[in-house]
Amino acid sequence: MKAAYDAGINFFDCAEGYAEGKSEISMGNAIKKYGWKRNDLVISTKIYWGNAFGDNPVNNGGLSRKHIIEGTEASLKRLQLDYVDLIYAHRPDRHTPIEETVRAFNYLIDSGKALYWGTSEWNSEEIAMAWACAERLNLIGPVMEQPEYNMLAREKVEKQFALLYENYGLGLTTFSPLKTGILTGKYDEGIPSDSRVATATDNFTTSQREGYGNEQWQKTLAQVKKLKPVAEKLGTDRATLALAWVIKNPRVSSAITGASRVEQIAKSVKALDLLPLLDDKVMAEIDEVLGNKPTVPYRRL
C-alpha cells in the first residue's frame, strides 16, 4: 500500500469477505501507521459475504437491510474508519427485494457511513432495476460497478453495460486486468509451480488449473502469444500492454491491479506511460489479434 501511495495511487479497495475480514484489518492498520490524511484517500469495501466468517448464514450475509447496516459497521470497525468513500453490493441478492437493498444503502449514505454506493458482478438488468427503484423513491442509485474486465473478458463492459453509461453515468472500478496472470504470458509453456493457478485453492482458480490444456485454454494461449509482437513493437511487455489497454477505455474509472509484491506496483504504474502510444491503429491491431470485440447492437445518433 505504501509503494502504491508513494507512486501516486490513492484508491484502495477491500471487502468484508477477503480473508474473512483480515484484509480490512491490514488496510486499516496501514492507513493508521503511515498517518495518511483521510481526505486524500478513496477507500472502498464490499458487503455480501458476511456469512463466510459468521455462524448465522441467514442474518450474517446477503443484502438485507440488517446485514448491509451491521456488515458495514463491522467493516468500519476493522478498517478503523468513520466512513468509506465507496460501498459495494458484492453480489446481487435475489432473495431480498431490491427496494430493501436500495433503501439500506441510501441509509448508509444519509448516516455518513458511506459517500457513494455501487454494485459488483451485477448484470445490466439488475443495475437498471436498482436505478428504477431509486428514481421511483427519489433515492440514489448505484453509481459504480466493479466487474472483471480485461482483453479476454469484454462482453459485459463493452456491450451489456452500454446503455447504463449513457442513462445513469455508471462508472467502473474493474478487476483482474491481467486475467489472473494469463495475459502476462507466464502460462505460455505450462503452469509455473509458484503461480496462482498452481497454488490457489479457490473454486475459480482450481477450475482454471483443471482446464489447462483443453480447447478453450489453447485458444486463449494462442491469443495471448499473438500479443507478444504487438507489445514488443511498443517497447513493452504483455502485462504492461494489457493494463494500459484496460485504462484506455474511457468507461473505466479505475483499474484494480491486485498487486501482491512491491515490484509489481512499479511495473503497473509504467502502463500510464504507454497510454499515449495506444492510438486507433494500435487498438485496431489488438482487436484483430484478439478477435473478440463485442458488437454493440445499436448506434446512438
Protein backbone atom coordinates (compact mmCIF):
# COMPACT_ATOMS: atom_id res chain seq x y z
CA MET A 1 0.00 0.00 0.00
CA LYS A 2 2.82 2.42 0.79
CA ALA A 3 4.53 1.69 -2.53
CA ALA A 4 1.24 2.42 -4.28
CA TYR A 5 0.65 5.61 -2.30
CA ASP A 6 4.20 6.82 -2.98
CA ALA A 7 3.59 6.22 -6.70
CA GLY A 8 0.53 8.48 -6.62
CA ILE A 9 -2.19 5.86 -6.11
CA ASN A 10 -4.82 6.80 -3.54
CA PHE A 11 -7.69 4.36 -4.22
CA PHE A 12 -7.64 1.17 -2.13
CA ASP A 13 -10.31 -1.49 -2.49
CA CYS A 14 -11.32 -4.14 0.02
CA ALA A 15 -14.25 -6.36 1.04
CA GLU A 16 -15.67 -7.91 4.17
CA GLY A 17 -15.19 -11.34 2.64
CA TYR A 18 -11.49 -11.01 1.79
CA ALA A 19 -9.53 -13.28 4.16
CA GLU A 20 -12.55 -13.30 6.48
CA GLY A 21 -12.15 -9.63 7.34
CA LYS A 22 -8.38 -9.73 7.89
CA SER A 23 -7.79 -7.77 4.69
CA GLU A 24 -9.77 -4.83 6.07
CA ILE A 25 -7.80 -5.02 9.31
CA SER A 26 -4.50 -4.88 7.42
CA MET A 27 -5.68 -1.95 5.31
CA GLY A 28 -6.85 -0.03 8.36
CA ASN A 29 -3.55 -0.67 10.13
CA ALA A 30 -1.60 0.65 7.13
CA ILE A 31 -3.65 3.84 6.92
CA LYS A 32 -3.09 4.44 10.63
CA LYS A 33 0.61 3.52 10.57
CA TYR A 34 1.54 5.91 7.77
CA GLY A 35 -0.66 8.73 9.01
CA TRP A 36 -2.26 9.41 5.65
CA LYS A 37 -4.87 12.17 5.57
CA ARG A 38 -8.33 10.66 5.24
CA ASN A 39 -9.48 13.18 2.63
CA ASP A 40 -6.51 12.23 0.42
CA LEU A 41 -7.74 8.63 0.19
CA VAL A 42 -10.56 6.85 -1.62
CA ILE A 43 -11.37 3.70 0.36
CA SER A 44 -13.92 1.13 -0.71
CA THR A 45 -15.25 -2.08 0.73
CA LYS A 46 -17.90 -4.55 -0.32
CA ILE A 47 -20.79 -6.16 1.56
CA TYR A 48 -22.43 -9.54 0.93
CA TRP A 49 -20.18 -12.43 2.03
CA GLY A 50 -20.55 -11.86 5.78
CA ASN A 51 -21.53 -15.49 6.30
CA ALA A 52 -18.03 -16.51 5.23
CA PHE A 53 -16.90 -15.89 8.79
CA GLY A 54 -20.14 -15.99 10.76
CA ASP A 55 -22.29 -18.64 12.37
CA ASN A 56 -25.63 -17.42 11.01
CA PRO A 57 -25.93 -17.72 7.22
CA VAL A 58 -29.34 -16.05 7.26
CA ASN A 59 -28.57 -12.82 9.11
CA ASN A 60 -24.83 -12.57 8.54
CA GLY A 61 -24.78 -12.29 4.77
CA GLY A 62 -26.64 -11.13 1.68
CA LEU A 63 -28.13 -7.71 1.04
CA SER A 64 -30.86 -7.45 3.64
CA ARG A 65 -31.15 -4.14 5.47
CA LYS A 66 -29.92 -5.92 8.59
CA HIS A 67 -26.71 -7.24 7.05
CA ILE A 68 -25.94 -4.15 4.95
CA ILE A 69 -26.02 -1.95 8.07
CA GLU A 70 -24.44 -4.38 10.51
CA GLY A 71 -21.90 -5.61 7.97
CA THR A 72 -20.82 -2.07 7.12
CA GLU A 73 -20.47 -1.14 10.78
CA ALA A 74 -18.28 -4.23 11.31
CA SER A 75 -16.17 -3.32 8.26
CA LEU A 76 -15.66 0.24 9.50
CA LYS A 77 -14.54 -1.12 12.86
CA ARG A 78 -11.96 -3.39 11.19
CA LEU A 79 -10.80 -0.53 8.93
CA GLN A 80 -10.65 1.86 11.93
CA LEU A 81 -12.53 4.43 9.84
CA ASP A 82 -15.64 6.56 10.36
CA TYR A 83 -16.77 6.07 6.77
CA VAL A 84 -15.81 4.56 3.42
CA ASP A 85 -15.92 6.54 0.21
CA LEU A 86 -17.45 3.69 -1.80
CA ILE A 87 -19.59 0.79 -0.60
CA TYR A 88 -20.48 -2.05 -2.96
CA ALA A 89 -23.09 -4.77 -3.04
CA HIS A 90 -20.55 -7.53 -3.66
CA ARG A 91 -23.06 -9.74 -5.47
CA PRO A 92 -26.77 -9.46 -6.29
CA ASP A 93 -29.08 -10.91 -3.64
CA ARG A 94 -32.07 -12.39 -5.44
CA HIS A 95 -33.70 -13.41 -2.16
CA THR A 96 -34.06 -9.83 -0.93
CA PRO A 97 -36.42 -7.24 -2.51
CA ILE A 98 -34.40 -4.69 -4.46
CA GLU A 99 -36.23 -1.85 -2.68
CA GLU A 100 -34.94 -3.06 0.68
CA THR A 101 -31.37 -3.10 -0.64
CA VAL A 102 -31.63 0.34 -2.27
CA ARG A 103 -33.12 1.88 0.89
CA ALA A 104 -30.41 0.31 3.09
CA PHE A 105 -27.53 1.66 1.01
CA ASN A 106 -29.15 5.09 0.98
CA TYR A 107 -29.39 4.89 4.77
CA LEU A 108 -25.61 4.36 4.89
CA ILE A 109 -25.11 7.47 2.78
CA ASP A 110 -27.57 9.54 4.79
CA SER A 111 -25.92 8.46 8.05
CA GLY A 112 -22.43 9.36 6.81
CA LYS A 113 -21.05 5.80 6.80
CA ALA A 114 -20.51 5.81 3.03
CA LEU A 115 -20.39 8.52 0.37
CA TYR A 116 -21.49 6.51 -2.67
CA TRP A 117 -22.85 3.03 -3.28
CA GLY A 118 -22.49 0.67 -6.19
CA THR A 119 -22.51 -2.95 -7.28
CA SER A 120 -20.04 -5.70 -8.10
CA GLU A 121 -20.71 -8.50 -10.56
CA TRP A 122 -24.32 -7.47 -11.13
CA ASN A 123 -25.78 -7.78 -14.61
CA SER A 124 -27.18 -4.84 -16.55
CA GLU A 125 -30.82 -5.72 -15.80
CA GLU A 126 -30.20 -5.81 -12.06
CA ILE A 127 -28.42 -2.45 -12.10
CA ALA A 128 -31.25 -0.93 -14.16
CA MET A 129 -33.80 -2.35 -11.70
CA ALA A 130 -31.94 -0.75 -8.80
CA TRP A 131 -31.92 2.59 -10.60
CA ALA A 132 -35.62 2.35 -11.46
CA CYS A 133 -36.38 1.68 -7.80
CA ALA A 134 -34.15 4.54 -6.63
CA GLU A 135 -35.68 7.03 -9.03
CA ARG A 136 -39.21 5.99 -8.03
CA LEU A 137 -38.34 6.60 -4.38
CA ASN A 138 -36.29 9.75 -5.07
CA LEU A 139 -33.19 7.98 -3.75
CA ILE A 140 -29.62 7.48 -5.02
CA GLY A 141 -28.95 4.58 -7.38
CA PRO A 142 -25.71 2.59 -7.78
CA VAL A 143 -23.17 4.94 -9.37
CA MET A 144 -20.39 2.41 -9.91
CA GLU A 145 -19.98 -1.26 -10.81
CA GLN A 146 -16.96 -3.48 -10.22
CA PRO A 147 -16.81 -6.14 -12.96
CA GLU A 148 -14.00 -8.26 -14.32
CA TYR A 149 -12.56 -6.55 -17.39
CA ASN A 150 -9.55 -7.42 -19.49
CA MET A 151 -8.56 -8.31 -23.05
CA LEU A 152 -10.15 -11.74 -22.63
CA ALA A 153 -13.34 -10.67 -20.81
CA ARG A 154 -15.05 -7.84 -22.70
CA GLU A 155 -18.72 -8.68 -23.24
CA LYS A 156 -20.20 -7.17 -20.09
CA VAL A 157 -18.24 -3.90 -20.04
CA GLU A 158 -18.28 -3.16 -23.76
CA LYS A 159 -21.73 -4.46 -24.71
CA GLN A 160 -24.10 -5.30 -21.87
CA PHE A 161 -23.47 -2.07 -19.93
CA ALA A 162 -23.59 0.23 -22.99
CA LEU A 163 -26.92 1.86 -22.14
CA LEU A 164 -26.09 2.19 -18.43
CA TYR A 165 -23.22 4.58 -19.07
CA GLU A 166 -25.42 6.95 -21.04
CA ASN A 167 -28.57 6.69 -18.95
CA TYR A 168 -27.09 6.64 -15.43
CA GLY A 169 -23.50 7.83 -15.77
CA LEU A 170 -22.24 4.48 -14.49
CA GLY A 171 -18.52 4.35 -13.64
CA LEU A 172 -16.35 1.23 -13.42
CA THR A 173 -13.68 0.09 -10.97
CA THR A 174 -12.65 -3.03 -12.85
CA PHE A 175 -10.68 -6.00 -11.52
CA SER A 176 -8.44 -8.71 -12.98
CA PRO A 177 -6.80 -6.65 -15.78
CA LEU A 178 -4.27 -9.45 -16.32
CA LYS A 179 -6.81 -12.30 -16.13
CA THR A 180 -5.10 -13.89 -13.09
CA GLY A 181 -1.73 -13.53 -14.83
CA ILE A 182 -2.66 -15.25 -18.09
CA LEU A 183 -2.13 -12.03 -20.09
CA THR A 184 1.45 -11.70 -18.84
CA GLY A 185 2.48 -14.73 -20.90
CA LYS A 186 3.61 -16.68 -17.82
CA TYR A 187 1.44 -19.66 -18.81
CA ASP A 188 2.61 -19.85 -22.44
CA GLU A 189 4.55 -23.07 -21.89
CA GLY A 190 2.71 -24.53 -18.92
CA ILE A 191 1.71 -23.72 -15.35
CA PRO A 192 4.66 -22.44 -13.26
CA SER A 193 4.85 -24.16 -9.86
CA ASP A 194 4.79 -20.84 -7.98
CA SER A 195 1.89 -19.32 -9.94
CA ARG A 196 -1.54 -18.55 -8.57
CA VAL A 197 -3.18 -21.13 -10.81
CA ALA A 198 -0.82 -23.79 -9.42
CA THR A 199 -1.16 -22.90 -5.74
CA ALA A 200 -4.59 -21.34 -5.19
CA THR A 201 -7.45 -23.36 -3.71
CA ASP A 202 -10.48 -21.21 -4.61
CA ASN A 203 -13.01 -22.75 -6.97
CA PHE A 204 -12.41 -20.27 -9.80
CA THR A 205 -8.65 -20.78 -9.96
CA THR A 206 -8.89 -24.51 -9.35
CA SER A 207 -11.18 -24.83 -12.38
CA GLN A 208 -8.58 -22.95 -14.43
CA ARG A 209 -5.87 -25.40 -13.35
CA GLU A 210 -8.03 -28.40 -14.15
CA GLY A 211 -8.90 -26.96 -17.54
CA TYR A 212 -5.35 -26.22 -18.63
CA GLY A 213 -4.64 -27.88 -21.95
CA ASN A 214 -8.25 -28.12 -23.08
CA GLU A 215 -9.54 -26.47 -26.24
CA GLN A 216 -10.51 -23.18 -24.57
CA TRP A 217 -7.16 -22.90 -22.80
CA GLN A 218 -5.31 -23.48 -26.06
CA LYS A 219 -7.41 -20.83 -27.80
CA THR A 220 -6.70 -18.36 -25.02
CA LEU A 221 -2.96 -19.07 -25.05
CA ALA A 222 -2.88 -18.58 -28.81
CA GLN A 223 -4.48 -15.14 -28.38
CA VAL A 224 -2.01 -14.17 -25.66
CA LYS A 225 1.02 -15.31 -27.67
CA LYS A 226 -0.07 -13.17 -30.64
CA LEU A 227 0.03 -10.13 -28.36
CA LYS A 228 3.77 -10.50 -27.78
CA PRO A 229 4.94 -8.89 -31.07
CA VAL A 230 2.42 -6.07 -30.58
CA ALA A 231 3.90 -5.32 -27.16
CA GLU A 232 7.47 -5.58 -28.44
CA LYS A 233 6.80 -3.05 -31.21
CA LEU A 234 5.70 -0.62 -28.49
CA GLY A 235 8.83 -1.34 -26.44
CA THR A 236 6.96 -3.01 -23.60
CA ASP A 237 5.74 -6.40 -22.37
CA ARG A 238 2.33 -8.02 -22.49
CA ALA A 239 1.48 -7.33 -18.84
CA THR A 240 2.02 -3.60 -19.21
CA LEU A 241 0.16 -3.58 -22.52
CA ALA A 242 -2.81 -5.43 -21.01
CA LEU A 243 -3.11 -2.99 -18.11
CA ALA A 244 -2.75 0.08 -20.34
CA TRP A 245 -5.42 -1.36 -22.64
CA VAL A 246 -7.88 -1.53 -19.74
CA ILE A 247 -7.14 2.02 -18.61
CA LYS A 248 -7.54 3.24 -22.20
CA ASN A 249 -11.28 2.52 -22.02
CA PRO A 250 -12.93 5.86 -21.07
CA ARG A 251 -15.62 3.97 -19.13
CA VAL A 252 -13.02 2.63 -16.68
CA SER A 253 -12.76 4.96 -13.68
CA SER A 254 -10.07 2.85 -12.03
CA ALA A 255 -8.34 -0.46 -12.77
CA ILE A 256 -7.71 -2.55 -9.65
CA THR A 257 -4.38 -4.34 -10.11
CA GLY A 258 -4.42 -6.72 -7.15
CA ALA A 259 -0.63 -6.47 -6.75
CA SER A 260 0.92 -8.85 -4.22
CA ARG A 261 4.54 -7.59 -4.37
CA VAL A 262 6.10 -4.12 -4.25
CA GLU A 263 7.86 -4.57 -7.60
CA GLN A 264 4.51 -5.21 -9.26
CA ILE A 265 3.39 -1.73 -8.24
CA ALA A 266 6.34 -0.08 -10.00
CA LYS A 267 5.67 -2.19 -13.08
CA SER A 268 1.95 -1.43 -13.15
CA VAL A 269 2.49 2.33 -12.96
CA LYS A 270 4.51 2.13 -16.20
CA ALA A 271 1.25 1.39 -18.00
CA LEU A 272 0.42 5.10 -17.74
CA ASP A 273 3.45 5.95 -19.90
CA LEU A 274 2.21 3.54 -22.56
CA LEU A 275 -1.23 5.15 -22.93
CA PRO A 276 -0.21 7.83 -25.49
CA LEU A 277 1.09 5.06 -27.79
CA LEU A 278 -2.27 3.24 -27.86
CA ASP A 279 -3.71 5.12 -30.82
CA ASP A 280 -6.57 3.93 -33.03
CA LYS A 281 -4.21 1.94 -35.24
CA VAL A 282 -2.69 0.01 -32.34
CA MET A 283 -6.08 -0.60 -30.73
CA ALA A 284 -7.40 -1.92 -34.06
CA GLU A 285 -4.40 -4.24 -34.33
CA ILE A 286 -5.07 -5.58 -30.84
CA ASP A 287 -8.74 -6.16 -31.72
CA GLU A 288 -7.67 -8.10 -34.81
CA VAL A 289 -5.29 -10.26 -32.78
CA LEU A 290 -7.85 -10.99 -30.08
CA GLY A 291 -10.80 -11.49 -32.40
CA ASN A 292 -13.28 -10.97 -29.59
CA LYS A 293 -14.53 -7.39 -29.84
CA PRO A 294 -18.23 -7.36 -28.90
CA THR A 295 -20.70 -5.92 -31.37
CA VAL A 296 -22.85 -3.21 -29.80
CA PRO A 297 -26.38 -3.73 -31.16
CA TYR A 298 -27.22 -0.06 -31.62
CA ARG A 299 -25.62 3.19 -32.67
CA ARG A 300 -26.52 6.41 -30.93
CA LEU A 301 -27.32 9.21 -33.38
